[in-house]
Structures are given as structure tokens and as C-alpha cells.
C-alpha atoms as a PDB file:
ATOM      1  CA  MET A   1      99.567 102.010 121.923  1.00  0.00           C
ATOM      2  CA  ALA A   2     101.165  98.877 120.559  1.00  0.00           C
ATOM      3  CA  VAL A   3     100.880  97.446 117.067  1.00  0.00           C
ATOM      4  CA  THR A   4     101.623  93.785 116.493  1.00  0.00           C
ATOM      5  CA  THR A   5     101.403  91.900 113.215  1.00  0.00           C
ATOM      6  CA  THR A   6     101.174  88.131 113.058  1.00  0.00           C
ATOM      7  CA  THR A   7     101.788  86.315 109.781  1.00  0.00           C
ATOM      8  CA  THR A   8     100.616  82.762 109.179  1.00  0.00           C
ATOM      9  CA  THR A   9     101.059  80.841 105.949  1.00  0.00           C
ATOM     10  CA  VAL A  10      98.491  78.173 105.119  1.00  0.00           C
ATOM     11  CA  LYS A  11      97.844  76.066 102.069  1.00  0.00           C
ATOM     12  CA  ALA A  12      94.384  75.701 100.543  1.00  0.00           C
ATOM     13  CA  ILE A  13      93.360  72.121  99.943  1.00  0.00           C
ATOM     14  CA  ALA A  14      90.612  70.484  97.963  1.00  0.00           C
ATOM     15  CA  ALA A  15      88.726  67.244  98.459  1.00  0.00           C
ATOM     16  CA  LYS A  16      89.790  66.092  94.985  1.00  0.00           C
ATOM     17  CA  PRO A  17      91.751  67.696  92.126  1.00  0.00           C
ATOM     18  CA  ARG A  18      89.720  69.261  89.336  1.00  0.00           C
ATOM     19  CA  THR A  19      90.598  69.726  85.694  1.00  0.00           C
ATOM     20  CA  LYS A  20      88.682  72.938  85.022  1.00  0.00           C
ATOM     21  CA  PRO A  21      90.598  76.245  85.106  1.00  0.00           C
ATOM     22  CA  ARG A  22      90.296  78.405  88.226  1.00  0.00           C
ATOM     23  CA  SER A  23      89.043  75.471  90.287  1.00  0.00           C
ATOM     24  CA  THR A  24      89.705  75.066  93.984  1.00  0.00           C
ATOM     25  CA  PRO A  25      93.401  74.161  94.173  1.00  0.00           C
ATOM     26  CA  SER A  26      94.452  70.651  95.142  1.00  0.00           C
ATOM     27  CA  ALA A  27      96.805  70.127  98.054  1.00  0.00           C
ATOM     28  CA  SER A  28      99.721  69.490  95.703  1.00  0.00           C
ATOM     29  CA  SER A  29      99.135  72.487  93.426  1.00  0.00           C
ATOM     30  CA  ALA A  30      97.941  75.081  95.915  1.00  0.00           C
ATOM     31  CA  LYS A  31      99.966  78.227  96.398  1.00  0.00           C
ATOM     32  CA  PRO A  32     100.558  79.143 100.030  1.00  0.00           C
ATOM     33  CA  ILE A  33      98.195  81.778 101.390  1.00  0.00           C
ATOM     34  CA  THR A  34      99.689  84.269 103.801  1.00  0.00           C
ATOM     35  CA  VAL A  35      97.235  85.687 106.301  1.00  0.00           C
ATOM     36  CA  HIS A  36      98.290  88.863 108.115  1.00  0.00           C
ATOM     37  CA  GLN A  37      96.574  89.982 111.286  1.00  0.00           C
ATOM     38  CA  THR A  38      97.345  93.362 112.776  1.00  0.00           C
ATOM     39  CA  LYS A  39      96.005  94.315 116.157  1.00  0.00           C
ATOM     40  CA  LEU A  40      96.152  97.743 117.802  1.00  0.00           C
ATOM     41  CA  THR A  41      96.014  97.675 121.587  1.00  0.00           C
ATOM     42  CA  THR A  42      96.320 100.196 124.368  1.00  0.00           C
ATOM     43  CA  THR A  43      98.856  99.633 127.090  1.00  0.00           C
ATOM     44  CA  ALA A  44      97.217  99.093 130.452  1.00  0.00           C
ATOM     45  CA  ALA A  45      98.460  98.143 133.904  1.00  0.00           C
ATOM     46  CA  PRO A  46      99.821  94.589 133.846  1.00  0.00           C
ATOM     47  CA  SER A  47      97.496  91.877 135.067  1.00  0.00           C
ATOM     48  CA  LYS A  48      98.547  89.753 138.025  1.00  0.00           C
ATOM     49  CA  THR A  49      96.893  86.631 136.636  1.00  0.00           C
ATOM     50  CA  LYS A  50      98.323  86.522 133.118  1.00  0.00           C
ATOM     51  CA  PRO A  51     100.409  88.792 130.903  1.00  0.00           C
ATOM     52  CA  PRO A  52      98.576  91.023 128.404  1.00  0.00           C
ATOM     53  CA  THR A  53      98.465  89.719 124.858  1.00  0.00           C
ATOM     54  CA  THR A  54      98.504  91.859 121.742  1.00  0.00           C
ATOM     55  CA  THR A  55      98.143  89.253 119.036  1.00  0.00           C
ATOM     56  CA  SER A  56      96.320  86.042 118.329  1.00  0.00           C
ATOM     57  CA  GLN A  57      97.432  83.357 115.941  1.00  0.00           C
ATOM     58  CA  VAL A  58      95.361  82.967 112.798  1.00  0.00           C
ATOM     59  CA  ASP A  59      95.114  79.332 111.787  1.00  0.00           C
ATOM     60  CA  MET A  60      92.994  78.989 108.676  1.00  0.00           C
ATOM     61  CA  SER A  61      93.831  75.320 108.063  1.00  0.00           C
ATOM     62  CA  ALA A  62      90.672  74.050 109.808  1.00  0.00           C
ATOM     63  CA  PRO A  63      88.253  76.346 107.909  1.00  0.00           C
ATOM     64  CA  LEU A  64      90.053  75.607 104.621  1.00  0.00           C
ATOM     65  CA  ALA A  65      89.741  71.869 105.286  1.00  0.00           C
ATOM     66  CA  GLN A  66      86.024  72.288 106.088  1.00  0.00           C
ATOM     67  CA  ILE A  67      85.503  74.171 102.839  1.00  0.00           C
ATOM     68  CA  ALA A  68      87.362  71.521 100.840  1.00  0.00           C
ATOM     69  CA  ALA A  69      85.401  68.671 102.438  1.00  0.00           C
ATOM     70  CA  SER A  70      82.018  70.329 101.940  1.00  0.00           C
ATOM     71  CA  SER A  71      79.631  69.280  99.195  1.00  0.00           C
ATOM     72  CA  ARG A  72      79.118  72.875  98.064  1.00  0.00           C
ATOM     73  CA  THR A  73      79.693  74.114  94.509  1.00  0.00           C
ATOM     74  CA  PRO A  74      83.234  74.687  93.227  1.00  0.00           C
ATOM     75  CA  TYR A  75      82.423  78.397  92.797  1.00  0.00           C
ATOM     76  CA  GLU A  76      81.250  78.764  96.408  1.00  0.00           C
ATOM     77  CA  LYS A  77      84.424  77.031  97.586  1.00  0.00           C
ATOM     78  CA  ARG A  78      86.585  79.426  95.544  1.00  0.00           C
ATOM     79  CA  VAL A  79      84.802  82.435  97.064  1.00  0.00           C
ATOM     80  CA  TRP A  80      85.098  81.085 100.607  1.00  0.00           C
ATOM     81  CA  ASN A  81      88.797  80.268 100.113  1.00  0.00           C
ATOM     82  CA  LEU A  82      89.343  83.910  99.123  1.00  0.00           C
ATOM     83  CA  LEU A  83      87.557  85.084 102.278  1.00  0.00           C
ATOM     84  CA  CYS A  84      90.188  83.282 104.336  1.00  0.00           C
ATOM     85  CA  GLN A  85      92.828  85.604 102.872  1.00  0.00           C
ATOM     86  CA  ILE A  86      91.221  88.846 104.118  1.00  0.00           C
ATOM     87  CA  PRO A  87      93.110  89.881 107.271  1.00  0.00           C
ATOM     88  CA  ALA A  88      91.247  90.509 110.509  1.00  0.00           C
ATOM     89  CA  GLY A  89      90.664  94.229 110.925  1.00  0.00           C
ATOM     90  CA  ARG A  90      90.431  94.781 107.153  1.00  0.00           C
ATOM     91  CA  VAL A  91      87.587  94.591 104.658  1.00  0.00           C
ATOM     92  CA  SER A  92      87.364  93.924 100.949  1.00  0.00           C
ATOM     93  CA  THR A  93      84.498  94.468  98.509  1.00  0.00           C
ATOM     94  CA  TYR A  94      82.167  92.249  96.524  1.00  0.00           C
ATOM     95  CA  ALA A  95      83.637  93.825  93.366  1.00  0.00           C
ATOM     96  CA  LEU A  96      87.270  93.085  94.314  1.00  0.00           C
ATOM     97  CA  LEU A  97      86.484  89.438  95.037  1.00  0.00           C
ATOM     98  CA  ALA A  98      84.497  89.243  91.785  1.00  0.00           C
ATOM     99  CA  ALA A  99      87.361  90.749  89.775  1.00  0.00           C
ATOM    100  CA  HIS A 100      89.806  88.221  91.209  1.00  0.00           C
ATOM    101  CA  LEU A 101      87.417  85.381  90.317  1.00  0.00           C
ATOM    102  CA  SER A 102      86.473  86.812  86.884  1.00  0.00           C
ATOM    103  CA  SER A 103      82.908  86.817  88.136  1.00  0.00           C
ATOM    104  CA  SER A 104      80.222  89.290  89.189  1.00  0.00           C
ATOM    105  CA  PRO A 105      79.670  91.003  92.559  1.00  0.00           C
ATOM    106  CA  ARG A 106      76.149  89.561  92.699  1.00  0.00           C
ATOM    107  CA  ALA A 107      77.477  86.005  92.289  1.00  0.00           C
ATOM    108  CA  VAL A 108      79.989  86.659  95.082  1.00  0.00           C
ATOM    109  CA  GLY A 109      77.188  87.982  97.305  1.00  0.00           C
ATOM    110  CA  ASN A 110      75.103  84.881  96.636  1.00  0.00           C
ATOM    111  CA  ALA A 111      78.025  82.637  97.610  1.00  0.00           C
ATOM    112  CA  LEU A 112      78.599  84.666 100.798  1.00  0.00           C
ATOM    113  CA  ARG A 113      74.930  84.381 101.674  1.00  0.00           C
ATOM    114  CA  ARG A 114      75.272  80.586 101.620  1.00  0.00           C
ATOM    115  CA  ASN A 115      78.466  80.479 103.740  1.00  0.00           C
ATOM    116  CA  PRO A 116      77.812  77.831 106.425  1.00  0.00           C
ATOM    117  CA  PHE A 117      81.208  78.400 108.056  1.00  0.00           C
ATOM    118  CA  ALA A 118      80.749  82.008 109.230  1.00  0.00           C
ATOM    119  CA  PRO A 119      82.242  83.740 111.124  1.00  0.00           C
ATOM    120  CA  GLN A 120      85.354  81.493 110.934  1.00  0.00           C
ATOM    121  CA  VAL A 121      85.219  81.952 107.143  1.00  0.00           C
ATOM    122  CA  PRO A 122      84.770  85.731 107.436  1.00  0.00           C
ATOM    123  CA  CYS A 123      82.031  86.868 105.035  1.00  0.00           C
ATOM    124  CA  HIS A 124      81.477  89.806 107.414  1.00  0.00           C
ATOM    125  CA  ARG A 125      84.727  91.310 106.036  1.00  0.00           C
ATOM    126  CA  VAL A 126      83.119  91.994 102.637  1.00  0.00           C
ATOM    127  CA  VAL A 127      81.350  95.318 102.030  1.00  0.00           C
ATOM    128  CA  ALA A 128      79.907  97.232  99.085  1.00  0.00           C
ATOM    129  CA  THR A 129      82.263  99.245  96.858  1.00  0.00           C
ATOM    130  CA  GLY A 130      81.222 102.561  98.437  1.00  0.00           C
ATOM    131  CA  GLY A 131      82.035 101.247 101.913  1.00  0.00           C
ATOM    132  CA  LEU A 132      78.439 100.550 102.977  1.00  0.00           C
ATOM    133  CA  LEU A 133      78.107  97.363 104.959  1.00  0.00           C
ATOM    134  CA  GLY A 134      75.495  95.764 102.689  1.00  0.00           C
ATOM    135  CA  GLY A 135      73.722  92.614 103.802  1.00  0.00           C
ATOM    136  CA  PHE A 136      74.665  89.873 106.178  1.00  0.00           C
ATOM    137  CA  LYS A 137      73.459  86.284 106.249  1.00  0.00           C
ATOM    138  CA  GLY A 138      71.453  86.959 103.094  1.00  0.00           C
ATOM    139  CA  LYS A 139      68.762  88.952 104.862  1.00  0.00           C
ATOM    140  CA  TRP A 140      67.580  92.236 103.335  1.00  0.00           C
ATOM    141  CA  PRO A 141      64.549  94.272 104.441  1.00  0.00           C
ATOM    142  CA  LYS A 142      62.808  96.906 102.310  1.00  0.00           C
ATOM    143  CA  ASP A 143      65.125  99.760 103.371  1.00  0.00           C
ATOM    144  CA  GLY A 144      68.136  98.134 101.666  1.00  0.00           C
ATOM    145  CA  GLU A 145      70.206  97.428 104.779  1.00  0.00           C
ATOM    146  CA  GLY A 146      70.527  93.871 106.045  1.00  0.00           C
ATOM    147  CA  ILE A 147      68.412  93.101 109.100  1.00  0.00           C
ATOM    148  CA  THR A 148      71.358  91.350 110.747  1.00  0.00           C
ATOM    149  CA  ILE A 149      73.640  94.307 110.049  1.00  0.00           C
ATOM    150  CA  ASP A 150      74.160  94.969 113.776  1.00  0.00           C
ATOM    151  CA  GLU A 151      75.804  91.553 114.059  1.00  0.00           C
ATOM    152  CA  LYS A 152      78.103  92.395 111.125  1.00  0.00           C
ATOM    153  CA  LYS A 153      78.981  95.756 112.734  1.00  0.00           C
ATOM    154  CA  LYS A 154      79.769  94.038 116.028  1.00  0.00           C
ATOM    155  CA  LEU A 155      82.093  91.509 114.345  1.00  0.00           C
ATOM    156  CA  LEU A 156      83.897  94.218 112.350  1.00  0.00           C
ATOM    157  CA  ARG A 157      84.256  96.596 115.294  1.00  0.00           C
ATOM    158  CA  GLY A 158      85.553  93.685 117.386  1.00  0.00           C
ATOM    159  CA  GLU A 159      88.366  93.363 114.827  1.00  0.00           C
ATOM    160  CA  GLY A 160      89.117  97.095 114.982  1.00  0.00           C
ATOM    161  CA  VAL A 161      87.350  98.197 111.783  1.00  0.00           C
ATOM    162  CA  ARG A 162      86.099 101.794 111.980  1.00  0.00           C
ATOM    163  CA  ILE A 163      82.547 102.498 110.816  1.00  0.00           C
ATOM    164  CA  ASP A 164      81.401 106.113 110.475  1.00  0.00           C
ATOM    165  CA  ASP A 165      78.039 107.618 111.500  1.00  0.00           C
ATOM    166  CA  LYS A 166      76.616 106.934 108.035  1.00  0.00           C
ATOM    167  CA  GLY A 167      77.435 103.225 108.264  1.00  0.00           C
ATOM    168  CA  ARG A 168      80.446 103.310 105.938  1.00  0.00           C
ATOM    169  CA  VAL A 169      83.707 101.522 106.595  1.00  0.00           C
ATOM    170  CA  ALA A 170      86.692 103.867 106.811  1.00  0.00           C
ATOM    171  CA  GLY A 171      89.852 103.108 104.855  1.00  0.00           C
ATOM    172  CA  THR A 172      90.922 101.473 101.623  1.00  0.00           C
ATOM    173  CA  PRO A 173      89.507  98.021 100.838  1.00  0.00           C
ATOM    174  CA  TRP A 174      92.013  95.178 101.001  1.00  0.00           C
ATOM    175  CA  SER A 175      92.865  93.666  97.606  1.00  0.00           C
ATOM    176  CA  GLY A 176      95.906  91.460  98.188  1.00  0.00           C
ATOM    177  CA  PHE A 177      94.369  88.219  96.936  1.00  0.00           C
ATOM    178  CA  VAL A 178      96.729  85.535  95.642  1.00  0.00           C
END
């Protein structure tokens, strides 16, 4: 097994500076965001066509620019900018995002439901506090589990996130927001 970590630093940008507190940062006032991606791979026989790769570069500048240029609400943009900080292979919770934004988990969920940039802006990396996957794409049937939950599971498992038999994500939620 090999473990490789890639670190990329990006800067959030906004379409125009705002004067309200906690607004989307402007290009001149934004703090750099460091995105870490860790990938666990098994060592296999080398390929004759190309060497095996164990890491992929995370470039969040394009999604951050799309968010900044969008006509969405300042709150939605703040939530989506935070999503870009969650490393691949990790999850955070609605409550942790809400605490960072001085908001509510329900408001965060509503912003995630309206994310037009998924999966590049990774709303699939947000789960309920107890580790349950919750909804995805804003769709909820009567049984309380999102009807597109299989798509969310596939995206998370593709990033190496472990999900137990009861549909809970294993591990500690990521909370390293800046």
C-alpha cells in the first residue's frame, strides 16, 4: 500500500468586494485555502503503457471562479467556497459548516441543495452529524433517505470514504475550515 498526499493552495475570489462582515472574500483580501488530498493505493504490477499514479492534483481555482462569477446569493457562495476546502476522501457535517458560518445546519443544507457546480464543488462530502449520508441533490422520499443517495455513496466510495452496513460514514468529520 502507498499513501500519497498532495497539497494545493488556492485563493478564493469574488466577483466584487462586499462591505458586509463574513462576505465572500475579494481577491485582494482572501486568505489562501490549502486543499489536501490523500489517496491510498495498492501496489500492482507496473503497466507497460504508462506508469501507475497515486495522486491527482486538486485545482480548485476554476470552481472558485465559477462560484464568484455566479449570480447566486452571498450566503450560498460562502457555503460553496467552504465545500472546496473539504479534502477528497474526507467528509464534514452540516453542523460543522454551519458553526463556521455562524448559521444553521438547515440553511447549509438548503445551500447545498442548490449547488449547480456539483460534483466539482463537492456537496457530496457533507453528511449528518451522526455520520448518516442524508440527502443528495435536495431529493428526499418518505423514508428519510435521499433518493439519489446511491450516487452520493458512489462518489464518496470513489474517493476512498468507508461507509458501514448501516449507511454511516466511518471516521471523524473533517473540521479544518479557514
